[in-house]
Amino acid sequence: MADILAFKKPKAAKKHRGNTLCRRGFHKWVVVDTPFDSRQGRLLTRYRCERCGEEKIEARSR
């Protein structure tokens, strides 16, 4: 005879793991690249969140 598997509904915590942190502003930023902006004369840093993929750019001031 075959074994009977119980199919359970995934818990909400496991289903939304990581996404709730990003929705509340706790992103996991990783540096993607650092291009130079010739118009402003500044070095830019581009960040991308590992969980949700949102991007932000910061300019280094003098």
N, C-alpha and C. Protein backbone atom coordinates (compact mmCIF):
# COMPACT_ATOMS: atom_id res chain seq x y z
N MET A 1 0.83 -1.19 0.00
CA MET A 1 0.00 0.00 0.00
C MET A 1 0.88 1.26 0.00
N ALA A 2 0.32 2.29 -0.53
CA ALA A 2 1.03 3.57 -0.58
C ALA A 2 0.83 4.34 0.71
N ASP A 3 1.82 5.18 1.03
CA ASP A 3 1.70 6.02 2.22
C ASP A 3 0.76 7.18 1.92
N ILE A 4 -0.02 7.55 2.92
CA ILE A 4 -0.95 8.67 2.76
C ILE A 4 -0.26 9.93 3.28
N LEU A 5 -0.20 10.95 2.44
CA LEU A 5 0.42 12.21 2.80
C LEU A 5 -0.64 13.21 3.23
N ALA A 6 -0.37 13.92 4.29
CA ALA A 6 -1.30 14.95 4.75
C ALA A 6 -0.88 16.28 4.14
N PHE A 7 -1.75 16.91 3.39
CA PHE A 7 -1.47 18.21 2.80
C PHE A 7 -1.94 19.29 3.74
N LYS A 8 -1.00 20.09 4.20
CA LYS A 8 -1.34 21.15 5.14
C LYS A 8 -1.20 22.50 4.46
N LYS A 9 -2.03 23.42 4.86
CA LYS A 9 -1.96 24.79 4.38
C LYS A 9 -0.74 25.45 5.02
N PRO A 10 0.12 26.15 4.23
CA PRO A 10 1.29 26.79 4.83
C PRO A 10 0.88 27.90 5.79
N LYS A 11 1.63 28.03 6.86
CA LYS A 11 1.33 29.06 7.85
C LYS A 11 1.63 30.44 7.25
N ALA A 12 0.94 31.44 7.76
CA ALA A 12 1.10 32.81 7.25
C ALA A 12 2.53 33.30 7.44
N ALA A 13 3.16 32.93 8.53
CA ALA A 13 4.53 33.37 8.80
C ALA A 13 5.49 32.81 7.75
N LYS A 14 5.29 31.58 7.34
CA LYS A 14 6.17 30.98 6.35
C LYS A 14 5.86 31.50 4.95
N LYS A 15 4.60 31.78 4.68
CA LYS A 15 4.18 32.26 3.37
C LYS A 15 4.72 33.66 3.06
N HIS A 16 4.72 34.52 4.06
CA HIS A 16 5.14 35.92 3.87
C HIS A 16 6.52 36.19 4.45
N ARG A 17 7.32 35.19 4.57
CA ARG A 17 8.63 35.35 5.19
C ARG A 17 9.50 36.33 4.41
N GLY A 18 9.99 37.36 5.08
CA GLY A 18 10.86 38.36 4.46
C GLY A 18 10.09 39.53 3.87
N ASN A 19 8.90 39.32 3.34
CA ASN A 19 8.15 40.41 2.73
C ASN A 19 7.61 41.39 3.76
N THR A 20 7.25 40.92 4.94
CA THR A 20 6.70 41.81 5.95
C THR A 20 7.77 42.78 6.44
N LEU A 21 9.02 42.34 6.47
CA LEU A 21 10.09 43.24 6.89
C LEU A 21 10.24 44.40 5.90
N CYS A 22 10.21 44.10 4.61
CA CYS A 22 10.36 45.14 3.59
C CYS A 22 9.18 46.09 3.59
N ARG A 23 7.99 45.59 3.81
CA ARG A 23 6.82 46.46 3.83
C ARG A 23 6.86 47.44 4.98
N ARG A 24 7.57 47.08 6.04
CA ARG A 24 7.68 47.96 7.20
C ARG A 24 8.95 48.79 7.19
N GLY A 25 9.72 48.72 6.11
CA GLY A 25 10.89 49.58 5.95
C GLY A 25 12.21 48.96 6.36
N PHE A 26 12.24 47.68 6.68
CA PHE A 26 13.48 47.02 7.08
C PHE A 26 14.01 46.20 5.91
N HIS A 27 14.56 46.90 4.91
CA HIS A 27 15.10 46.24 3.73
C HIS A 27 16.47 45.66 4.04
N LYS A 28 16.92 44.78 3.18
CA LYS A 28 18.24 44.18 3.29
C LYS A 28 19.06 44.67 2.10
N TRP A 29 19.69 45.86 2.25
CA TRP A 29 20.36 46.53 1.14
C TRP A 29 21.69 45.89 0.84
N VAL A 30 21.97 45.76 -0.47
CA VAL A 30 23.24 45.24 -0.97
C VAL A 30 23.71 46.20 -2.07
N VAL A 31 25.00 46.53 -2.06
CA VAL A 31 25.57 47.44 -3.07
C VAL A 31 25.61 46.73 -4.42
N VAL A 32 25.04 47.40 -5.45
CA VAL A 32 25.04 46.83 -6.80
C VAL A 32 26.24 47.36 -7.58
N ASP A 33 26.36 48.66 -7.71
CA ASP A 33 27.52 49.26 -8.37
C ASP A 33 27.66 50.71 -7.92
N THR A 34 28.80 51.35 -8.27
CA THR A 34 29.07 52.73 -7.88
C THR A 34 29.51 53.53 -9.08
N PRO A 35 28.55 54.03 -9.88
CA PRO A 35 28.92 54.85 -11.04
C PRO A 35 29.27 56.29 -10.61
N PHE A 36 29.93 57.02 -11.50
CA PHE A 36 30.28 58.42 -11.25
C PHE A 36 29.35 59.30 -12.05
N ASP A 37 28.72 60.28 -11.38
CA ASP A 37 27.82 61.21 -12.05
C ASP A 37 28.63 62.45 -12.45
N SER A 38 28.83 62.64 -13.75
CA SER A 38 29.66 63.74 -14.22
C SER A 38 28.96 65.09 -14.12
N ARG A 39 27.64 65.12 -14.09
CA ARG A 39 26.92 66.40 -13.98
C ARG A 39 27.08 67.00 -12.59
N GLN A 40 26.91 66.16 -11.56
CA GLN A 40 27.04 66.65 -10.19
C GLN A 40 28.46 66.54 -9.66
N GLY A 41 29.29 65.74 -10.32
CA GLY A 41 30.66 65.54 -9.86
C GLY A 41 30.74 64.71 -8.59
N ARG A 42 29.82 63.76 -8.45
CA ARG A 42 29.77 62.93 -7.25
C ARG A 42 29.79 61.45 -7.60
N LEU A 43 30.21 60.68 -6.65
CA LEU A 43 30.17 59.23 -6.78
C LEU A 43 28.82 58.75 -6.25
N LEU A 44 28.09 58.00 -7.07
CA LEU A 44 26.79 57.49 -6.67
C LEU A 44 26.94 56.04 -6.23
N THR A 45 26.09 55.63 -5.30
CA THR A 45 26.06 54.25 -4.85
C THR A 45 24.65 53.73 -5.05
N ARG A 46 24.52 52.64 -5.80
CA ARG A 46 23.21 52.04 -6.07
C ARG A 46 23.04 50.81 -5.19
N TYR A 47 21.93 50.78 -4.44
CA TYR A 47 21.62 49.67 -3.55
C TYR A 47 20.39 48.94 -4.07
N ARG A 48 20.34 47.62 -3.85
CA ARG A 48 19.17 46.81 -4.20
C ARG A 48 18.85 45.90 -3.01
N CYS A 49 17.56 45.80 -2.68
CA CYS A 49 17.12 44.95 -1.59
C CYS A 49 17.14 43.49 -2.06
N GLU A 50 17.73 42.62 -1.24
CA GLU A 50 17.82 41.20 -1.60
C GLU A 50 16.45 40.53 -1.59
N ARG A 51 15.56 40.98 -0.72
CA ARG A 51 14.27 40.32 -0.57
C ARG A 51 13.26 40.73 -1.64
N CYS A 52 13.05 42.04 -1.79
CA CYS A 52 11.96 42.50 -2.66
C CYS A 52 12.44 43.08 -3.99
N GLY A 53 13.71 43.44 -4.12
CA GLY A 53 14.24 43.96 -5.38
C GLY A 53 14.12 45.46 -5.55
N GLU A 54 13.67 46.18 -4.53
CA GLU A 54 13.56 47.64 -4.60
C GLU A 54 14.96 48.24 -4.67
N GLU A 55 15.10 49.36 -5.39
CA GLU A 55 16.40 50.00 -5.55
C GLU A 55 16.38 51.41 -4.98
N LYS A 56 17.55 51.85 -4.48
CA LYS A 56 17.72 53.24 -4.05
C LYS A 56 19.12 53.68 -4.44
N ILE A 57 19.26 54.98 -4.65
CA ILE A 57 20.55 55.55 -5.06
C ILE A 57 20.92 56.64 -4.07
N GLU A 58 22.15 56.61 -3.59
CA GLU A 58 22.65 57.63 -2.69
C GLU A 58 23.86 58.30 -3.33
N ALA A 59 23.94 59.63 -3.16
CA ALA A 59 25.08 60.39 -3.65
C ALA A 59 25.95 60.76 -2.46
N ARG A 60 27.23 60.57 -2.61
CA ARG A 60 28.15 60.93 -1.53
C ARG A 60 28.43 62.42 -1.59
N SER A 61 28.28 63.10 -0.48
CA SER A 61 28.52 64.53 -0.44
C SER A 61 29.98 64.81 -0.10
N ARG A 62 30.38 66.01 -0.37
CA ARG A 62 31.77 66.39 -0.13
C ARG A 62 32.00 66.82 1.27
